[in-house]
Amino acid sequence: MDMLVTPAGRGVSPQEWAVVMLVGGAIMTSTGVILVLSPSVSADWQVQQQQDRYDAYGRGRPPTFDDREVQEVMTRVVGGEFAVVGPVLLIAGIVRLVTR
């Protein structure tokens, strides 16, 4: 992991990689918690996008109530994965900063 190279050709230091892990973990954790606690917001948005595509272009089919339920479940699943992986990245980034 320490052998990453930036587009400019400079190597990425372990501290830089640790900061990337910290920032990524914080973003994933907050996103996951938001998606798990309020999946209806994302589901409503996705169903509205499907309705707009149907109205504007006549493509697909109009959304049904079951579509919204499926979107809520998928949002909770993705949010749960983010809520688990995010803290792992945070801890790994902290450990990497402290040990190097």
PDB file of N, CA and C in Angstrom:
ATOM      1  N   MET A   1       0.804  -1.188   0.000  1.00  0.00           N
ATOM      2  CA  MET A   1       0.000   0.000   0.000  1.00  0.00           C
ATOM      3  C   MET A   1       0.852   1.259   0.000  1.00  0.00           C
ATOM      4  N   ASP A   2       2.053   1.191   0.462  1.00  0.00           N
ATOM      5  CA  ASP A   2       2.897   2.368   0.536  1.00  0.00           C
ATOM      6  C   ASP A   2       3.528   2.703  -0.809  1.00  0.00           C
ATOM      7  N   MET A   3       3.321   1.874  -1.801  1.00  0.00           N
ATOM      8  CA  MET A   3       3.964   2.088  -3.097  1.00  0.00           C
ATOM      9  C   MET A   3       3.069   2.855  -4.073  1.00  0.00           C
ATOM     10  N   LEU A   4       2.035   3.518  -3.570  1.00  0.00           N
ATOM     11  CA  LEU A   4       1.180   4.305  -4.448  1.00  0.00           C
ATOM     12  C   LEU A   4       1.944   5.512  -4.972  1.00  0.00           C
ATOM     13  N   VAL A   5       1.594   5.920  -6.173  1.00  0.00           N
ATOM     14  CA  VAL A   5       2.264   7.047  -6.812  1.00  0.00           C
ATOM     15  C   VAL A   5       1.195   8.039  -7.255  1.00  0.00           C
ATOM     16  N   THR A   6       1.460   9.319  -7.048  1.00  0.00           N
ATOM     17  CA  THR A   6       0.532  10.351  -7.488  1.00  0.00           C
ATOM     18  C   THR A   6       0.655  10.532  -8.998  1.00  0.00           C
ATOM     19  N   PRO A   7      -0.292  11.220  -9.616  1.00  0.00           N
ATOM     20  CA  PRO A   7      -0.178  11.476 -11.051  1.00  0.00           C
ATOM     21  C   PRO A   7       1.094  12.240 -11.427  1.00  0.00           C
ATOM     22  N   ALA A   8       1.648  12.988 -10.485  1.00  0.00           N
ATOM     23  CA  ALA A   8       2.874  13.740 -10.766  1.00  0.00           C
ATOM     24  C   ALA A   8       4.115  12.860 -10.657  1.00  0.00           C
ATOM     25  N   GLY A   9       3.954  11.618 -10.234  1.00  0.00           N
ATOM     26  CA  GLY A   9       5.078  10.707 -10.144  1.00  0.00           C
ATOM     27  C   GLY A   9       5.728  10.651  -8.773  1.00  0.00           C
ATOM     28  N   ARG A  10       5.197  11.399  -7.827  1.00  0.00           N
ATOM     29  CA  ARG A  10       5.747  11.418  -6.483  1.00  0.00           C
ATOM     30  C   ARG A  10       5.075  10.313  -5.663  1.00  0.00           C
ATOM     31  N   GLY A  11       5.824   9.651  -4.848  1.00  0.00           N
ATOM     32  CA  GLY A  11       5.274   8.589  -4.006  1.00  0.00           C
ATOM     33  C   GLY A  11       4.367   9.141  -2.914  1.00  0.00           C
ATOM     34  N   VAL A  12       3.407   8.343  -2.492  1.00  0.00           N
ATOM     35  CA  VAL A  12       2.492   8.730  -1.428  1.00  0.00           C
ATOM     36  C   VAL A  12       3.066   8.248  -0.103  1.00  0.00           C
ATOM     37  N   SER A  13       3.233   9.150   0.842  1.00  0.00           N
ATOM     38  CA  SER A  13       3.804   8.783   2.136  1.00  0.00           C
ATOM     39  C   SER A  13       2.759   8.054   2.980  1.00  0.00           C
ATOM     40  N   PRO A  14       3.200   7.288   3.979  1.00  0.00           N
ATOM     41  CA  PRO A  14       2.253   6.599   4.855  1.00  0.00           C
ATOM     42  C   PRO A  14       1.325   7.566   5.593  1.00  0.00           C
ATOM     43  N   GLN A  15       1.823   8.744   5.942  1.00  0.00           N
ATOM     44  CA  GLN A  15       0.976   9.711   6.629  1.00  0.00           C
ATOM     45  C   GLN A  15      -0.136  10.226   5.706  1.00  0.00           C
ATOM     46  N   GLU A  16       0.204  10.458   4.451  1.00  0.00           N
ATOM     47  CA  GLU A  16      -0.814  10.906   3.498  1.00  0.00           C
ATOM     48  C   GLU A  16      -1.879   9.835   3.300  1.00  0.00           C
ATOM     49  N   TRP A  17      -1.440   8.605   3.209  1.00  0.00           N
ATOM     50  CA  TRP A  17      -2.376   7.499   3.041  1.00  0.00           C
ATOM     51  C   TRP A  17      -3.269   7.371   4.272  1.00  0.00           C
ATOM     52  N   ALA A  18      -2.716   7.588   5.459  1.00  0.00           N
ATOM     53  CA  ALA A  18      -3.501   7.526   6.693  1.00  0.00           C
ATOM     54  C   ALA A  18      -4.557   8.632   6.725  1.00  0.00           C
ATOM     55  N   VAL A  19      -4.202   9.818   6.263  1.00  0.00           N
ATOM     56  CA  VAL A  19      -5.164  10.923   6.232  1.00  0.00           C
ATOM     57  C   VAL A  19      -6.288  10.613   5.235  1.00  0.00           C
ATOM     58  N   VAL A  20      -5.947  10.027   4.107  1.00  0.00           N
ATOM     59  CA  VAL A  20      -6.966   9.630   3.131  1.00  0.00           C
ATOM     60  C   VAL A  20      -7.907   8.611   3.763  1.00  0.00           C
ATOM     61  N   MET A  21      -7.367   7.662   4.509  1.00  0.00           N
ATOM     62  CA  MET A  21      -8.206   6.673   5.180  1.00  0.00           C
ATOM     63  C   MET A  21      -9.097   7.327   6.229  1.00  0.00           C
ATOM     64  N   LEU A  22      -8.570   8.284   6.967  1.00  0.00           N
ATOM     65  CA  LEU A  22      -9.367   8.993   7.969  1.00  0.00           C
ATOM     66  C   LEU A  22     -10.519   9.765   7.329  1.00  0.00           C
ATOM     67  N   VAL A  23     -10.223  10.509   6.296  1.00  0.00           N
ATOM     68  CA  VAL A  23     -11.260  11.305   5.630  1.00  0.00           C
ATOM     69  C   VAL A  23     -12.303  10.387   4.985  1.00  0.00           C
ATOM     70  N   GLY A  24     -11.844   9.360   4.304  1.00  0.00           N
ATOM     71  CA  GLY A  24     -12.775   8.410   3.682  1.00  0.00           C
ATOM     72  C   GLY A  24     -13.638   7.712   4.717  1.00  0.00           C
ATOM     73  N   GLY A  25     -13.035   7.315   5.829  1.00  0.00           N
ATOM     74  CA  GLY A  25     -13.794   6.668   6.891  1.00  0.00           C
ATOM     75  C   GLY A  25     -14.830   7.587   7.504  1.00  0.00           C
ATOM     76  N   ALA A  26     -14.476   8.858   7.694  1.00  0.00           N
ATOM     77  CA  ALA A  26     -15.431   9.817   8.257  1.00  0.00           C
ATOM     78  C   ALA A  26     -16.603  10.048   7.310  1.00  0.00           C
ATOM     79  N   ILE A  27     -16.312  10.179   6.026  1.00  0.00           N
ATOM     80  CA  ILE A  27     -17.380  10.386   5.040  1.00  0.00           C
ATOM     81  C   ILE A  27     -18.276   9.160   4.950  1.00  0.00           C
ATOM     82  N   MET A  28     -17.670   7.970   4.909  1.00  0.00           N
ATOM     83  CA  MET A  28     -18.461   6.747   4.821  1.00  0.00           C
ATOM     84  C   MET A  28     -19.312   6.540   6.063  1.00  0.00           C
ATOM     85  N   THR A  29     -18.757   6.828   7.234  1.00  0.00           N
ATOM     86  CA  THR A  29     -19.506   6.652   8.473  1.00  0.00           C
ATOM     87  C   THR A  29     -20.708   7.578   8.517  1.00  0.00           C
ATOM     88  N   SER A  30     -20.492   8.847   8.226  1.00  0.00           N
ATOM     89  CA  SER A  30     -21.610   9.797   8.288  1.00  0.00           C
ATOM     90  C   SER A  30     -22.667   9.477   7.229  1.00  0.00           C
ATOM     91  N   THR A  31     -22.242   9.126   6.026  1.00  0.00           N
ATOM     92  CA  THR A  31     -23.196   8.760   4.983  1.00  0.00           C
ATOM     93  C   THR A  31     -23.984   7.520   5.366  1.00  0.00           C
ATOM     94  N   GLY A  32     -23.300   6.515   5.900  1.00  0.00           N
ATOM     95  CA  GLY A  32     -23.970   5.286   6.308  1.00  0.00           C
ATOM     96  C   GLY A  32     -24.985   5.507   7.395  1.00  0.00           C
ATOM     97  N   VAL A  33     -24.637   6.307   8.389  1.00  0.00           N
ATOM     98  CA  VAL A  33     -25.573   6.573   9.487  1.00  0.00           C
ATOM     99  C   VAL A  33     -26.795   7.323   8.971  1.00  0.00           C
ATOM    100  N   ILE A  34     -26.579   8.301   8.109  1.00  0.00           N
ATOM    101  CA  ILE A  34     -27.708   9.058   7.548  1.00  0.00           C
ATOM    102  C   ILE A  34     -28.615   8.143   6.730  1.00  0.00           C
ATOM    103  N   LEU A  35     -28.032   7.273   5.895  1.00  0.00           N
ATOM    104  CA  LEU A  35     -28.847   6.389   5.063  1.00  0.00           C
ATOM    105  C   LEU A  35     -29.603   5.355   5.885  1.00  0.00           C
ATOM    106  N   VAL A  36     -28.995   4.869   6.957  1.00  0.00           N
ATOM    107  CA  VAL A  36     -29.678   3.873   7.785  1.00  0.00           C
ATOM    108  C   VAL A  36     -30.810   4.516   8.589  1.00  0.00           C
ATOM    109  N   LEU A  37     -30.582   5.724   9.092  1.00  0.00           N
ATOM    110  CA  LEU A  37     -31.586   6.363   9.938  1.00  0.00           C
ATOM    111  C   LEU A  37     -32.740   6.987   9.154  1.00  0.00           C
ATOM    112  N   SER A  38     -32.503   7.399   7.917  1.00  0.00           N
ATOM    113  CA  SER A  38     -33.585   8.020   7.130  1.00  0.00           C
ATOM    114  C   SER A  38     -33.558   7.517   5.687  1.00  0.00           C
ATOM    115  N   PRO A  39     -33.893   6.252   5.470  1.00  0.00           N
ATOM    116  CA  PRO A  39     -33.855   5.716   4.102  1.00  0.00           C
ATOM    117  C   PRO A  39     -34.971   6.251   3.218  1.00  0.00           C
ATOM    118  N   SER A  40     -36.022   6.795   3.821  1.00  0.00           N
ATOM    119  CA  SER A  40     -37.150   7.261   3.013  1.00  0.00           C
ATOM    120  C   SER A  40     -36.771   8.458   2.139  1.00  0.00           C
ATOM    121  N   VAL A  41     -35.835   9.284   2.591  1.00  0.00           N
ATOM    122  CA  VAL A  41     -35.424  10.444   1.798  1.00  0.00           C
ATOM    123  C   VAL A  41     -34.803   9.983   0.484  1.00  0.00           C
ATOM    124  N   SER A  42     -33.875   9.064   0.564  1.00  0.00           N
ATOM    125  CA  SER A  42     -33.228   8.549  -0.641  1.00  0.00           C
ATOM    126  C   SER A  42     -34.215   7.777  -1.508  1.00  0.00           C
ATOM    127  N   ALA A  43     -35.075   6.977  -0.878  1.00  0.00           N
ATOM    128  CA  ALA A  43     -36.050   6.196  -1.642  1.00  0.00           C
ATOM    129  C   ALA A  43     -37.026   7.113  -2.374  1.00  0.00           C
ATOM    130  N   ASP A  44     -37.486   8.159  -1.698  1.00  0.00           N
ATOM    131  CA  ASP A  44     -38.397   9.110  -2.353  1.00  0.00           C
ATOM    132  C   ASP A  44     -37.728   9.763  -3.549  1.00  0.00           C
ATOM    133  N   TRP A  45     -36.468  10.153  -3.386  1.00  0.00           N
ATOM    134  CA  TRP A  45     -35.745  10.797  -4.478  1.00  0.00           C
ATOM    135  C   TRP A  45     -35.607   9.849  -5.664  1.00  0.00           C
ATOM    136  N   GLN A  46     -35.259   8.589  -5.398  1.00  0.00           N
ATOM    137  CA  GLN A  46     -35.068   7.636  -6.491  1.00  0.00           C
ATOM    138  C   GLN A  46     -36.378   7.334  -7.205  1.00  0.00           C
ATOM    139  N   VAL A  47     -37.463   7.196  -6.457  1.00  0.00           N
ATOM    140  CA  VAL A  47     -38.765   6.949  -7.077  1.00  0.00           C
ATOM    141  C   VAL A  47     -39.206   8.173  -7.883  1.00  0.00           C
ATOM    142  N   GLN A  48     -38.935   9.370  -7.370  1.00  0.00           N
ATOM    143  CA  GLN A  48     -39.280  10.583  -8.111  1.00  0.00           C
ATOM    144  C   GLN A  48     -38.482  10.675  -9.411  1.00  0.00           C
ATOM    145  N   GLN A  49     -37.210  10.281  -9.377  1.00  0.00           N
ATOM    146  CA  GLN A  49     -36.404  10.270 -10.596  1.00  0.00           C
ATOM    147  C   GLN A  49     -36.989   9.299 -11.615  1.00  0.00           C
ATOM    148  N   GLN A  50     -37.446   8.133 -11.161  1.00  0.00           N
ATOM    149  CA  GLN A  50     -38.054   7.153 -12.051  1.00  0.00           C
ATOM    150  C   GLN A  50     -39.340   7.719 -12.660  1.00  0.00           C
ATOM    151  N   GLN A  51     -40.140   8.402 -11.843  1.00  0.00           N
ATOM    152  CA  GLN A  51     -41.376   9.015 -12.351  1.00  0.00           C
ATOM    153  C   GLN A  51     -41.061  10.115 -13.365  1.00  0.00           C
ATOM    154  N   ASP A  52     -40.054  10.925 -13.087  1.00  0.00           N
ATOM    155  CA  ASP A  52     -39.675  11.998 -14.016  1.00  0.00           C
ATOM    156  C   ASP A  52     -39.203  11.445 -15.354  1.00  0.00           C
ATOM    157  N   ARG A  53     -38.403  10.360 -15.320  1.00  0.00           N
ATOM    158  CA  ARG A  53     -37.962   9.739 -16.573  1.00  0.00           C
ATOM    159  C   ARG A  53     -39.155   9.211 -17.361  1.00  0.00           C
ATOM    160  N   TYR A  54     -40.120   8.627 -16.654  1.00  0.00           N
ATOM    161  CA  TYR A  54     -41.292   8.094 -17.323  1.00  0.00           C
ATOM    162  C   TYR A  54     -42.120   9.225 -17.942  1.00  0.00           C
ATOM    163  N   ASP A  55     -42.306  10.310 -17.182  1.00  0.00           N
ATOM    164  CA  ASP A  55     -43.098  11.436 -17.676  1.00  0.00           C
ATOM    165  C   ASP A  55     -42.425  12.141 -18.850  1.00  0.00           C
ATOM    166  N   ALA A  56     -41.123  12.356 -18.759  1.00  0.00           N
ATOM    167  CA  ALA A  56     -40.419  13.134 -19.779  1.00  0.00           C
ATOM    168  C   ALA A  56     -40.151  12.347 -21.055  1.00  0.00           C
ATOM    169  N   TYR A  57     -39.759  11.095 -20.921  1.00  0.00           N
ATOM    170  CA  TYR A  57     -39.303  10.336 -22.083  1.00  0.00           C
ATOM    171  C   TYR A  57     -40.184   9.139 -22.418  1.00  0.00           C
ATOM    172  N   GLY A  58     -41.098   8.790 -21.529  1.00  0.00           N
ATOM    173  CA  GLY A  58     -41.955   7.633 -21.768  1.00  0.00           C
ATOM    174  C   GLY A  58     -41.215   6.320 -21.686  1.00  0.00           C
ATOM    175  N   ARG A  59     -40.078   6.324 -21.023  1.00  0.00           N
ATOM    176  CA  ARG A  59     -39.275   5.105 -20.916  1.00  0.00           C
ATOM    177  C   ARG A  59     -39.571   4.384 -19.614  1.00  0.00           C
ATOM    178  N   GLY A  60     -39.448   3.074 -19.647  1.00  0.00           N
ATOM    179  CA  GLY A  60     -39.652   2.284 -18.443  1.00  0.00           C
ATOM    180  C   GLY A  60     -41.125   2.202 -18.100  1.00  0.00           C
ATOM    181  N   ARG A  61     -41.409   2.159 -16.818  1.00  0.00           N
ATOM    182  CA  ARG A  61     -42.778   2.092 -16.349  1.00  0.00           C
ATOM    183  C   ARG A  61     -42.922   3.032 -15.164  1.00  0.00           C
ATOM    184  N   PRO A  62     -44.127   3.464 -14.889  1.00  0.00           N
ATOM    185  CA  PRO A  62     -44.290   4.351 -13.742  1.00  0.00           C
ATOM    186  C   PRO A  62     -43.985   3.596 -12.446  1.00  0.00           C
ATOM    187  N   PRO A  63     -43.429   4.271 -11.454  1.00  0.00           N
ATOM    188  CA  PRO A  63     -43.092   3.592 -10.212  1.00  0.00           C
ATOM    189  C   PRO A  63     -44.335   3.169  -9.439  1.00  0.00           C
ATOM    190  N   THR A  64     -44.206   2.068  -8.739  1.00  0.00           N
ATOM    191  CA  THR A  64     -45.296   1.577  -7.902  1.00  0.00           C
ATOM    192  C   THR A  64     -44.891   1.710  -6.436  1.00  0.00           C
ATOM    193  N   PHE A  65     -45.811   1.399  -5.550  1.00  0.00           N
ATOM    194  CA  PHE A  65     -45.511   1.465  -4.123  1.00  0.00           C
ATOM    195  C   PHE A  65     -44.423   0.463  -3.756  1.00  0.00           C
ATOM    196  N   ASP A  66     -44.415  -0.692  -4.426  1.00  0.00           N
ATOM    197  CA  ASP A  66     -43.386  -1.700  -4.154  1.00  0.00           C
ATOM    198  C   ASP A  66     -41.999  -1.196  -4.510  1.00  0.00           C
ATOM    199  N   ASP A  67     -41.891  -0.356  -5.540  1.00  0.00           N
ATOM    200  CA  ASP A  67     -40.594   0.208  -5.914  1.00  0.00           C
ATOM    201  C   ASP A  67     -40.006   1.022  -4.767  1.00  0.00           C
ATOM    202  N   ARG A  68     -40.860   1.782  -4.097  1.00  0.00           N
ATOM    203  CA  ARG A  68     -40.390   2.601  -2.977  1.00  0.00           C
ATOM    204  C   ARG A  68     -39.898   1.717  -1.837  1.00  0.00           C
ATOM    205  N   GLU A  69     -40.622   0.639  -1.551  1.00  0.00           N
ATOM    206  CA  GLU A  69     -40.198  -0.279  -0.482  1.00  0.00           C
ATOM    207  C   GLU A  69     -38.866  -0.930  -0.830  1.00  0.00           C
ATOM    208  N   VAL A  70     -38.701  -1.335  -2.071  1.00  0.00           N
ATOM    209  CA  VAL A  70     -37.443  -1.947  -2.505  1.00  0.00           C
ATOM    210  C   VAL A  70     -36.303  -0.946  -2.369  1.00  0.00           C
ATOM    211  N   GLN A  71     -36.538   0.302  -2.760  1.00  0.00           N
ATOM    212  CA  GLN A  71     -35.507   1.332  -2.649  1.00  0.00           C
ATOM    213  C   GLN A  71     -35.136   1.587  -1.192  1.00  0.00           C
ATOM    214  N   GLU A  72     -36.122   1.544  -0.282  1.00  0.00           N
ATOM    215  CA  GLU A  72     -35.811   1.733   1.137  1.00  0.00           C
ATOM    216  C   GLU A  72     -34.929   0.606   1.656  1.00  0.00           C
ATOM    217  N   VAL A  73     -35.247  -0.626   1.262  1.00  0.00           N
ATOM    218  CA  VAL A  73     -34.440  -1.767   1.705  1.00  0.00           C
ATOM    219  C   VAL A  73     -33.023  -1.654   1.161  1.00  0.00           C
ATOM    220  N   MET A  74     -32.895  -1.328  -0.120  1.00  0.00           N
ATOM    221  CA  MET A  74     -31.563  -1.199  -0.718  1.00  0.00           C
ATOM    222  C   MET A  74     -30.777  -0.064  -0.064  1.00  0.00           C
ATOM    223  N   THR A  75     -31.456   1.029   0.262  1.00  0.00           N
ATOM    224  CA  THR A  75     -30.791   2.148   0.923  1.00  0.00           C
ATOM    225  C   THR A  75     -30.291   1.732   2.295  1.00  0.00           C
ATOM    226  N   ARG A  76     -31.097   0.983   3.033  1.00  0.00           N
ATOM    227  CA  ARG A  76     -30.666   0.502   4.355  1.00  0.00           C
ATOM    228  C   ARG A  76     -29.473  -0.455   4.237  1.00  0.00           C
ATOM    229  N   VAL A  77     -29.486  -1.323   3.226  1.00  0.00           N
ATOM    230  CA  VAL A  77     -28.374  -2.262   3.040  1.00  0.00           C
ATOM    231  C   VAL A  77     -27.079  -1.512   2.731  1.00  0.00           C
ATOM    232  N   VAL A  78     -27.137  -0.594   1.771  1.00  0.00           N
ATOM    233  CA  VAL A  78     -25.942   0.171   1.405  1.00  0.00           C
ATOM    234  C   VAL A  78     -25.488   1.042   2.578  1.00  0.00           C
ATOM    235  N   GLY A  79     -26.430   1.674   3.253  1.00  0.00           N
ATOM    236  CA  GLY A  79     -26.092   2.488   4.414  1.00  0.00           C
ATOM    237  C   GLY A  79     -25.468   1.665   5.524  1.00  0.00           C
ATOM    238  N   GLY A  80     -25.970   0.457   5.731  1.00  0.00           N
ATOM    239  CA  GLY A  80     -25.399  -0.429   6.747  1.00  0.00           C
ATOM    240  C   GLY A  80     -23.969  -0.814   6.425  1.00  0.00           C
ATOM    241  N   GLU A  81     -23.715  -1.097   5.157  1.00  0.00           N
ATOM    242  CA  GLU A  81     -22.345  -1.429   4.761  1.00  0.00           C
ATOM    243  C   GLU A  81     -21.408  -0.242   4.983  1.00  0.00           C
ATOM    244  N   PHE A  82     -21.866   0.948   4.617  1.00  0.00           N
ATOM    245  CA  PHE A  82     -21.056   2.147   4.839  1.00  0.00           C
ATOM    246  C   PHE A  82     -20.844   2.383   6.336  1.00  0.00           C
ATOM    247  N   ALA A  83     -21.883   2.158   7.132  1.00  0.00           N
ATOM    248  CA  ALA A  83     -21.786   2.395   8.571  1.00  0.00           C
ATOM    249  C   ALA A  83     -20.848   1.401   9.248  1.00  0.00           C
ATOM    250  N   VAL A  84     -20.612   0.252   8.641  1.00  0.00           N
ATOM    251  CA  VAL A  84     -19.672  -0.725   9.203  1.00  0.00           C
ATOM    252  C   VAL A  84     -18.252  -0.485   8.685  1.00  0.00           C
ATOM    253  N   VAL A  85     -18.109  -0.237   7.397  1.00  0.00           N
ATOM    254  CA  VAL A  85     -16.781  -0.070   6.802  1.00  0.00           C
ATOM    255  C   VAL A  85     -16.152   1.266   7.199  1.00  0.00           C
ATOM    256  N   GLY A  86     -16.963   2.313   7.370  1.00  0.00           N
ATOM    257  CA  GLY A  86     -16.446   3.625   7.721  1.00  0.00           C
ATOM    258  C   GLY A  86     -15.637   3.641   9.007  1.00  0.00           C
ATOM    259  N   PRO A  87     -16.180   3.137  10.132  1.00  0.00           N
ATOM    260  CA  PRO A  87     -15.388   3.111  11.363  1.00  0.00           C
ATOM    261  C   PRO A  87     -14.132   2.237  11.267  1.00  0.00           C
ATOM    262  N   VAL A  88     -14.200   1.184  10.470  1.00  0.00           N
ATOM    263  CA  VAL A  88     -13.007   0.348  10.281  1.00  0.00           C
ATOM    264  C   VAL A  88     -11.908   1.170   9.616  1.00  0.00           C
ATOM    265  N   LEU A  89     -12.269   1.940   8.602  1.00  0.00           N
ATOM    266  CA  LEU A  89     -11.277   2.812   7.954  1.00  0.00           C
ATOM    267  C   LEU A  89     -10.762   3.880   8.909  1.00  0.00           C
ATOM    268  N   LEU A  90     -11.657   4.435   9.718  1.00  0.00           N
ATOM    269  CA  LEU A  90     -11.221   5.430  10.705  1.00  0.00           C
ATOM    270  C   LEU A  90     -10.191   4.843  11.656  1.00  0.00           C
ATOM    271  N   ILE A  91     -10.483   3.679  12.191  1.00  0.00           N
ATOM    272  CA  ILE A  91      -9.557   3.032  13.138  1.00  0.00           C
ATOM    273  C   ILE A  91      -8.251   2.682  12.455  1.00  0.00           C
ATOM    274  N   ALA A  92      -8.343   2.157  11.226  1.00  0.00           N
ATOM    275  CA  ALA A  92      -7.116   1.813  10.500  1.00  0.00           C
ATOM    276  C   ALA A  92      -6.281   3.065  10.219  1.00  0.00           C
ATOM    277  N   GLY A  93      -6.926   4.172   9.893  1.00  0.00           N
ATOM    278  CA  GLY A  93      -6.196   5.411   9.648  1.00  0.00           C
ATOM    279  C   GLY A  93      -5.531   5.942  10.907  1.00  0.00           C
ATOM    280  N   ILE A  94      -6.226   5.852  12.039  1.00  0.00           N
ATOM    281  CA  ILE A  94      -5.643   6.294  13.313  1.00  0.00           C
ATOM    282  C   ILE A  94      -4.449   5.431  13.679  1.00  0.00           C
ATOM    283  N   VAL A  95      -4.607   4.120  13.558  1.00  0.00           N
ATOM    284  CA  VAL A  95      -3.503   3.200  13.872  1.00  0.00           C
ATOM    285  C   VAL A  95      -2.316   3.475  12.957  1.00  0.00           C
ATOM    286  N   ARG A  96      -2.578   3.721  11.697  1.00  0.00           N
ATOM    287  CA  ARG A  96      -1.501   3.989  10.738  1.00  0.00           C
ATOM    288  C   ARG A  96      -0.772   5.289  11.065  1.00  0.00           C
ATOM    289  N   LEU A  97      -1.523   6.319  11.495  1.00  0.00           N
ATOM    290  CA  LEU A  97      -0.893   7.578  11.876  1.00  0.00           C
ATOM    291  C   LEU A  97      -0.043   7.425  13.136  1.00  0.00           C
ATOM    292  N   VAL A  98      -0.544   6.669  14.096  1.00  0.00           N
ATOM    293  CA  VAL A  98       0.146   6.527  15.380  1.00  0.00           C
ATOM    294  C   VAL A  98       1.389   5.660  15.242  1.00  0.00           C
ATOM    295  N   THR A  99       1.325   4.635  14.442  1.00  0.00           N
ATOM    296  CA  THR A  99       2.463   3.696  14.359  1.00  0.00           C
ATOM    297  C   THR A  99       3.552   4.166  13.417  1.00  0.00           C
ATOM    298  N   ARG A 100       3.317   5.112  12.576  1.00  0.00           N
ATOM    299  CA  ARG A 100       4.357   5.529  11.624  1.00  0.00           C
ATOM    300  C   ARG A 100       4.855   6.895  11.937  1.00  0.00           C
TER     301      ARG A 100
END
